[in-house]
Each structure stands twice: as C-alpha cells, then as structure tokens.
Amino acid sequence: MIKGIIHNNRPLISLVVGWKLGVQELVALVDTGFTGELKIAPEKALELGLQTTHTERVTLADENEVFMQASLALVDLEGIANVVNVLISKGIPIIGVGLLRRYGYALNMDVKYDSLILQK
C-alpha cells in the first residue's frame, strides 16, 4: 500500500524513478485524466540520463493534439520495478492511469481528510 496526500486539491504520491545517471525519489501528481504512465520535466530527464527514443501523439484535456518526446525509465513502487513509458514535458511529475494499471493499484481518495491510498 502507498499512502499519499492531497495538498492544495492536488493528489500526490512519492515514487522512485531511475535510469542511466541515477535514481531519484519524486513527488508526482496522480492524474486520472492522463491515460499514460509517467510524465516528467526535461530537466529531470537529463538528470536521470533519459534519452528521447520516440515521440507520441498526446490528446490534451482541451482535445488538442500535440507531439511529445518520450523515453523509457525504471519506476519502483513498493520494491517492484518496471520499465515504463515516460513523456517528457514541462511541469511537475505526473502519473496516469496507465501506471496504476501496470502495477495493479486501486486508487482511493478521501478528500475530507486530504489522503489517498494506492492499494493492490
């Protein structure tokens, strides 16, 4: 089970991401509107040694489509590591439904008490 918090109406969890140049613990926004696995900023991608392997067409919330650079990274949640697809774009780290599904998590949020739990 992974416990997170809701801070300023934003559901956040901590996860470990690594690749060629290192490993970092990141705080990421849980975005149920994001169908992908993980999005990180270009600066973090550089720090981890991620290299663009491809581009992906992404449909934004306003229905506009854009192309984003993408790579692979290793994500560790509760001691289980998987290589996941990573979009590289400005902003805070974001995890999506694809990552929750890959790890088999159910998301439970309690907005009254500003808490969230990812549980298998």
N, C-alpha and C. Protein backbone atom coordinates (compact mmCIF):
# COMPACT_ATOMS: atom_id res chain seq x y z
N MET A 1 0.85 -1.16 0.00
CA MET A 1 0.00 0.00 0.00
C MET A 1 0.90 1.24 0.00
N ILE A 2 0.51 2.23 -0.80
CA ILE A 2 1.21 3.50 -0.86
C ILE A 2 0.27 4.58 -0.38
N LYS A 3 0.73 5.36 0.60
CA LYS A 3 -0.07 6.46 1.11
C LYS A 3 0.40 7.76 0.48
N GLY A 4 -0.54 8.60 0.12
CA GLY A 4 -0.24 9.90 -0.42
C GLY A 4 -1.04 10.95 0.31
N ILE A 5 -0.94 12.18 -0.18
CA ILE A 5 -1.68 13.28 0.43
C ILE A 5 -2.37 14.09 -0.66
N ILE A 6 -3.34 14.84 -0.24
CA ILE A 6 -3.96 15.83 -1.13
C ILE A 6 -3.54 17.18 -0.59
N HIS A 7 -2.74 17.89 -1.38
CA HIS A 7 -2.22 19.19 -0.97
C HIS A 7 -2.67 20.24 -1.98
N ASN A 8 -3.35 21.27 -1.50
CA ASN A 8 -3.91 22.29 -2.40
C ASN A 8 -4.78 21.67 -3.49
N ASN A 9 -5.59 20.70 -3.10
CA ASN A 9 -6.50 19.98 -4.01
C ASN A 9 -5.77 19.16 -5.08
N ARG A 10 -4.52 18.81 -4.83
CA ARG A 10 -3.74 18.01 -5.77
C ARG A 10 -3.34 16.70 -5.11
N PRO A 11 -3.79 15.54 -5.65
CA PRO A 11 -3.41 14.25 -5.08
C PRO A 11 -1.95 13.93 -5.45
N LEU A 12 -1.13 13.68 -4.44
CA LEU A 12 0.31 13.49 -4.64
C LEU A 12 0.78 12.19 -4.00
N ILE A 13 1.69 11.51 -4.70
CA ILE A 13 2.35 10.34 -4.13
C ILE A 13 3.85 10.44 -4.43
N SER A 14 4.61 9.64 -3.72
CA SER A 14 6.05 9.56 -3.92
C SER A 14 6.36 8.27 -4.67
N LEU A 15 7.30 8.35 -5.62
CA LEU A 15 7.74 7.16 -6.33
C LEU A 15 9.22 7.30 -6.65
N VAL A 16 9.87 6.19 -6.94
CA VAL A 16 11.29 6.17 -7.26
C VAL A 16 11.44 5.93 -8.76
N VAL A 17 12.22 6.81 -9.40
CA VAL A 17 12.45 6.72 -10.84
C VAL A 17 13.96 6.69 -11.07
N GLY A 18 14.40 5.82 -11.96
CA GLY A 18 15.82 5.72 -12.24
C GLY A 18 16.11 5.38 -13.69
N TRP A 19 17.35 5.68 -14.08
CA TRP A 19 17.85 5.30 -15.40
C TRP A 19 19.37 5.39 -15.36
N LYS A 20 20.00 5.66 -16.47
CA LYS A 20 21.46 5.56 -16.60
C LYS A 20 22.26 6.40 -15.60
N LEU A 21 21.81 7.62 -15.32
CA LEU A 21 22.61 8.52 -14.49
C LEU A 21 22.20 8.58 -13.03
N GLY A 22 21.23 7.80 -12.64
CA GLY A 22 20.88 7.82 -11.24
C GLY A 22 19.46 7.44 -10.93
N VAL A 23 19.14 7.59 -9.66
CA VAL A 23 17.83 7.25 -9.13
C VAL A 23 17.37 8.44 -8.28
N GLN A 24 16.09 8.79 -8.42
CA GLN A 24 15.55 9.90 -7.64
C GLN A 24 14.17 9.52 -7.11
N GLU A 25 13.88 10.02 -5.93
CA GLU A 25 12.52 9.92 -5.41
C GLU A 25 11.79 11.19 -5.82
N LEU A 26 10.66 11.03 -6.49
CA LEU A 26 9.89 12.15 -6.98
C LEU A 26 8.51 12.18 -6.33
N VAL A 27 7.99 13.36 -6.15
CA VAL A 27 6.60 13.53 -5.75
C VAL A 27 5.83 13.83 -7.02
N ALA A 28 4.81 13.02 -7.29
CA ALA A 28 4.08 13.13 -8.55
C ALA A 28 2.59 13.34 -8.30
N LEU A 29 1.99 14.09 -9.20
CA LEU A 29 0.55 14.30 -9.21
C LEU A 29 -0.12 13.06 -9.79
N VAL A 30 -1.16 12.58 -9.13
CA VAL A 30 -1.96 11.47 -9.66
C VAL A 30 -3.06 12.09 -10.51
N ASP A 31 -3.02 11.81 -11.81
CA ASP A 31 -3.96 12.43 -12.76
C ASP A 31 -4.77 11.34 -13.45
N THR A 32 -6.03 11.18 -13.04
CA THR A 32 -6.87 10.13 -13.63
C THR A 32 -7.32 10.47 -15.05
N GLY A 33 -7.07 11.69 -15.49
CA GLY A 33 -7.36 12.06 -16.87
C GLY A 33 -6.21 11.75 -17.81
N PHE A 34 -5.06 11.39 -17.25
CA PHE A 34 -3.87 11.05 -18.03
C PHE A 34 -3.85 9.54 -18.23
N THR A 35 -3.96 9.11 -19.47
CA THR A 35 -4.03 7.67 -19.75
C THR A 35 -2.65 7.02 -19.81
N GLY A 36 -1.60 7.82 -19.86
CA GLY A 36 -0.24 7.30 -19.94
C GLY A 36 0.27 6.81 -18.60
N GLU A 37 1.59 6.58 -18.56
CA GLU A 37 2.20 6.05 -17.35
C GLU A 37 2.87 7.13 -16.50
N LEU A 38 3.78 7.88 -17.09
CA LEU A 38 4.54 8.87 -16.33
C LEU A 38 4.91 10.03 -17.23
N LYS A 39 4.89 11.25 -16.68
CA LYS A 39 5.39 12.44 -17.37
C LYS A 39 6.35 13.13 -16.44
N ILE A 40 7.53 13.48 -16.95
CA ILE A 40 8.49 14.24 -16.15
C ILE A 40 9.02 15.40 -16.98
N ALA A 41 9.60 16.37 -16.28
CA ALA A 41 10.15 17.56 -16.93
C ALA A 41 11.47 17.24 -17.62
N PRO A 42 11.81 18.01 -18.65
CA PRO A 42 13.07 17.79 -19.37
C PRO A 42 14.29 17.83 -18.44
N GLU A 43 14.27 18.70 -17.43
CA GLU A 43 15.41 18.80 -16.51
C GLU A 43 15.61 17.49 -15.75
N LYS A 44 14.52 16.88 -15.29
CA LYS A 44 14.61 15.60 -14.58
C LYS A 44 15.08 14.50 -15.53
N ALA A 45 14.60 14.54 -16.76
CA ALA A 45 15.03 13.55 -17.75
C ALA A 45 16.54 13.62 -17.95
N LEU A 46 17.08 14.82 -18.02
CA LEU A 46 18.53 14.99 -18.16
C LEU A 46 19.27 14.46 -16.93
N GLU A 47 18.77 14.80 -15.75
CA GLU A 47 19.41 14.35 -14.51
C GLU A 47 19.46 12.83 -14.42
N LEU A 48 18.42 12.16 -14.92
CA LEU A 48 18.35 10.69 -14.87
C LEU A 48 19.06 10.02 -16.05
N GLY A 49 19.42 10.80 -17.07
CA GLY A 49 20.07 10.22 -18.25
C GLY A 49 19.10 9.63 -19.25
N LEU A 50 17.85 10.06 -19.21
CA LEU A 50 16.88 9.58 -20.19
C LEU A 50 17.16 10.23 -21.54
N GLN A 51 17.09 9.44 -22.58
CA GLN A 51 17.25 9.96 -23.93
C GLN A 51 15.95 9.71 -24.69
N THR A 52 15.58 10.68 -25.50
CA THR A 52 14.36 10.54 -26.29
C THR A 52 14.50 9.33 -27.21
N THR A 53 13.54 8.42 -27.13
CA THR A 53 13.54 7.24 -28.00
C THR A 53 12.49 7.34 -29.09
N HIS A 54 11.47 8.19 -28.85
CA HIS A 54 10.40 8.34 -29.83
C HIS A 54 9.55 9.54 -29.45
N THR A 55 8.60 9.87 -30.30
CA THR A 55 7.61 10.90 -29.96
C THR A 55 6.24 10.23 -29.94
N GLU A 56 5.36 10.80 -29.14
CA GLU A 56 4.00 10.27 -29.04
C GLU A 56 2.99 11.37 -29.28
N ARG A 57 1.92 11.03 -29.98
CA ARG A 57 0.80 11.96 -30.13
C ARG A 57 -0.02 11.89 -28.86
N VAL A 58 -0.27 13.05 -28.27
CA VAL A 58 -0.98 13.14 -27.00
C VAL A 58 -2.19 14.05 -27.17
N THR A 59 -3.34 13.59 -26.72
CA THR A 59 -4.54 14.42 -26.74
C THR A 59 -4.67 15.08 -25.38
N LEU A 60 -4.69 16.41 -25.38
CA LEU A 60 -4.79 17.18 -24.15
C LEU A 60 -6.25 17.28 -23.69
N ALA A 61 -6.45 17.77 -22.49
CA ALA A 61 -7.80 17.88 -21.92
C ALA A 61 -8.71 18.74 -22.78
N ASP A 62 -8.15 19.71 -23.51
CA ASP A 62 -8.97 20.58 -24.36
C ASP A 62 -9.19 19.98 -25.75
N GLU A 63 -8.82 18.70 -25.92
CA GLU A 63 -8.98 17.94 -27.16
C GLU A 63 -7.95 18.29 -28.24
N ASN A 64 -7.04 19.22 -27.97
CA ASN A 64 -5.97 19.49 -28.92
C ASN A 64 -4.95 18.37 -28.86
N GLU A 65 -4.36 18.06 -30.01
CA GLU A 65 -3.33 17.03 -30.07
C GLU A 65 -1.97 17.67 -30.25
N VAL A 66 -1.00 17.15 -29.51
CA VAL A 66 0.38 17.61 -29.60
C VAL A 66 1.28 16.39 -29.67
N PHE A 67 2.50 16.60 -30.10
CA PHE A 67 3.50 15.54 -30.08
C PHE A 67 4.48 15.83 -28.95
N MET A 68 4.76 14.81 -28.14
CA MET A 68 5.69 14.96 -27.02
C MET A 68 6.83 13.96 -27.18
N GLN A 69 8.01 14.40 -26.75
CA GLN A 69 9.14 13.49 -26.71
C GLN A 69 8.87 12.43 -25.66
N ALA A 70 9.39 11.24 -25.89
CA ALA A 70 9.16 10.14 -24.95
C ALA A 70 10.42 9.31 -24.80
N SER A 71 10.48 8.59 -23.69
CA SER A 71 11.64 7.77 -23.36
C SER A 71 11.16 6.60 -22.51
N LEU A 72 12.12 5.88 -21.95
CA LEU A 72 11.84 4.80 -21.01
C LEU A 72 12.55 5.11 -19.71
N ALA A 73 11.98 4.66 -18.60
CA ALA A 73 12.62 4.79 -17.29
C ALA A 73 12.18 3.62 -16.43
N LEU A 74 12.93 3.40 -15.39
CA LEU A 74 12.61 2.36 -14.42
C LEU A 74 11.87 3.01 -13.25
N VAL A 75 10.68 2.51 -12.94
CA VAL A 75 9.90 3.03 -11.82
C VAL A 75 9.77 1.92 -10.78
N ASP A 76 10.04 2.29 -9.52
CA ASP A 76 9.93 1.35 -8.41
C ASP A 76 8.83 1.82 -7.48
N LEU A 77 7.85 0.94 -7.28
CA LEU A 77 6.78 1.18 -6.31
C LEU A 77 6.72 -0.04 -5.40
N GLU A 78 6.90 0.17 -4.13
CA GLU A 78 6.87 -0.90 -3.13
C GLU A 78 7.83 -2.03 -3.44
N GLY A 79 9.00 -1.69 -3.96
CA GLY A 79 10.02 -2.70 -4.24
C GLY A 79 9.82 -3.45 -5.54
N ILE A 80 8.82 -3.10 -6.32
CA ILE A 80 8.59 -3.73 -7.61
C ILE A 80 8.95 -2.73 -8.70
N ALA A 81 9.91 -3.12 -9.56
CA ALA A 81 10.39 -2.21 -10.60
C ALA A 81 9.89 -2.65 -11.97
N ASN A 82 9.47 -1.68 -12.75
CA ASN A 82 9.05 -1.91 -14.13
C ASN A 82 9.64 -0.82 -15.01
N VAL A 83 9.97 -1.19 -16.24
CA VAL A 83 10.34 -0.19 -17.24
C VAL A 83 9.05 0.37 -17.80
N VAL A 84 8.90 1.70 -17.74
CA VAL A 84 7.66 2.34 -18.17
C VAL A 84 7.94 3.39 -19.24
N ASN A 85 6.91 3.74 -19.95
CA ASN A 85 6.97 4.79 -20.96
C ASN A 85 6.86 6.14 -20.26
N VAL A 86 7.72 7.07 -20.64
CA VAL A 86 7.78 8.38 -20.00
C VAL A 86 7.63 9.47 -21.05
N LEU A 87 6.66 10.35 -20.84
CA LEU A 87 6.56 11.55 -21.67
C LEU A 87 7.44 12.61 -21.04
N ILE A 88 8.07 13.42 -21.88
CA ILE A 88 8.97 14.47 -21.39
C ILE A 88 8.36 15.81 -21.76
N SER A 89 7.95 16.54 -20.73
CA SER A 89 7.30 17.83 -20.94
C SER A 89 7.40 18.65 -19.66
N LYS A 90 7.34 19.96 -19.80
CA LYS A 90 7.46 20.86 -18.65
C LYS A 90 6.41 20.57 -17.59
N GLY A 91 6.73 20.94 -16.37
CA GLY A 91 5.79 20.81 -15.28
C GLY A 91 6.19 19.76 -14.28
N ILE A 92 5.33 19.58 -13.29
CA ILE A 92 5.61 18.62 -12.23
C ILE A 92 5.44 17.20 -12.76
N PRO A 93 6.08 16.22 -12.09
CA PRO A 93 5.87 14.82 -12.49
C PRO A 93 4.39 14.44 -12.34
N ILE A 94 3.91 13.63 -13.28
CA ILE A 94 2.53 13.18 -13.27
C ILE A 94 2.51 11.68 -13.53
N ILE A 95 1.71 10.96 -12.74
CA ILE A 95 1.46 9.56 -13.06
C ILE A 95 0.01 9.44 -13.51
N GLY A 96 -0.20 8.51 -14.44
CA GLY A 96 -1.53 8.35 -15.00
C GLY A 96 -2.11 6.97 -14.76
N VAL A 97 -3.26 6.77 -15.34
CA VAL A 97 -3.98 5.51 -15.19
C VAL A 97 -3.17 4.33 -15.72
N GLY A 98 -2.38 4.57 -16.77
CA GLY A 98 -1.55 3.50 -17.33
C GLY A 98 -0.58 2.93 -16.31
N LEU A 99 0.02 3.80 -15.48
CA LEU A 99 0.95 3.33 -14.45
C LEU A 99 0.20 2.59 -13.35
N LEU A 100 -0.94 3.13 -12.93
CA LEU A 100 -1.74 2.45 -11.90
C LEU A 100 -2.17 1.07 -12.38
N ARG A 101 -2.56 0.98 -13.64
CA ARG A 101 -2.98 -0.31 -14.20
C ARG A 101 -1.81 -1.28 -14.30
N ARG A 102 -0.64 -0.80 -14.74
CA ARG A 102 0.54 -1.67 -14.88
C ARG A 102 0.89 -2.32 -13.55
N TYR A 103 0.78 -1.56 -12.46
CA TYR A 103 1.12 -2.08 -11.15
C TYR A 103 -0.07 -2.73 -10.44
N GLY A 104 -1.26 -2.62 -11.01
CA GLY A 104 -2.44 -3.26 -10.43
C GLY A 104 -2.99 -2.57 -9.19
N TYR A 105 -2.88 -1.23 -9.16
CA TYR A 105 -3.36 -0.48 -8.00
C TYR A 105 -4.79 0.01 -8.17
N ALA A 106 -5.49 0.03 -7.03
CA ALA A 106 -6.76 0.74 -6.92
C ALA A 106 -6.44 2.06 -6.23
N LEU A 107 -7.08 3.12 -6.68
CA LEU A 107 -6.87 4.45 -6.11
C LEU A 107 -8.08 4.80 -5.25
N ASN A 108 -7.81 5.10 -3.98
CA ASN A 108 -8.86 5.53 -3.06
C ASN A 108 -8.46 6.89 -2.50
N MET A 109 -9.34 7.89 -2.72
CA MET A 109 -9.07 9.22 -2.21
C MET A 109 -10.13 9.61 -1.18
N ASP A 110 -9.68 10.24 -0.12
CA ASP A 110 -10.58 10.77 0.89
C ASP A 110 -10.30 12.27 0.97
N VAL A 111 -11.07 13.03 0.20
CA VAL A 111 -10.81 14.47 0.13
C VAL A 111 -11.17 15.19 1.43
N LYS A 112 -12.03 14.58 2.22
CA LYS A 112 -12.37 15.18 3.51
C LYS A 112 -11.14 15.24 4.42
N TYR A 113 -10.31 14.19 4.35
CA TYR A 113 -9.14 14.10 5.21
C TYR A 113 -7.82 14.28 4.44
N ASP A 114 -7.90 14.75 3.20
CA ASP A 114 -6.71 15.03 2.38
C ASP A 114 -5.75 13.85 2.30
N SER A 115 -6.29 12.67 2.06
CA SER A 115 -5.43 11.48 1.97
C SER A 115 -5.80 10.66 0.75
N LEU A 116 -4.83 9.88 0.30
CA LEU A 116 -5.10 8.92 -0.77
C LEU A 116 -4.27 7.68 -0.52
N ILE A 117 -4.77 6.58 -1.04
CA ILE A 117 -4.10 5.29 -0.88
C ILE A 117 -4.12 4.57 -2.23
N LEU A 118 -2.96 4.03 -2.60
CA LEU A 118 -2.86 3.11 -3.74
C LEU A 118 -2.73 1.73 -3.13
N GLN A 119 -3.65 0.83 -3.48
CA GLN A 119 -3.66 -0.49 -2.87
C GLN A 119 -3.91 -1.54 -3.92
N LYS A 120 -3.22 -2.67 -3.79
CA LYS A 120 -3.39 -3.79 -4.73
C LYS A 120 -4.58 -4.62 -4.34
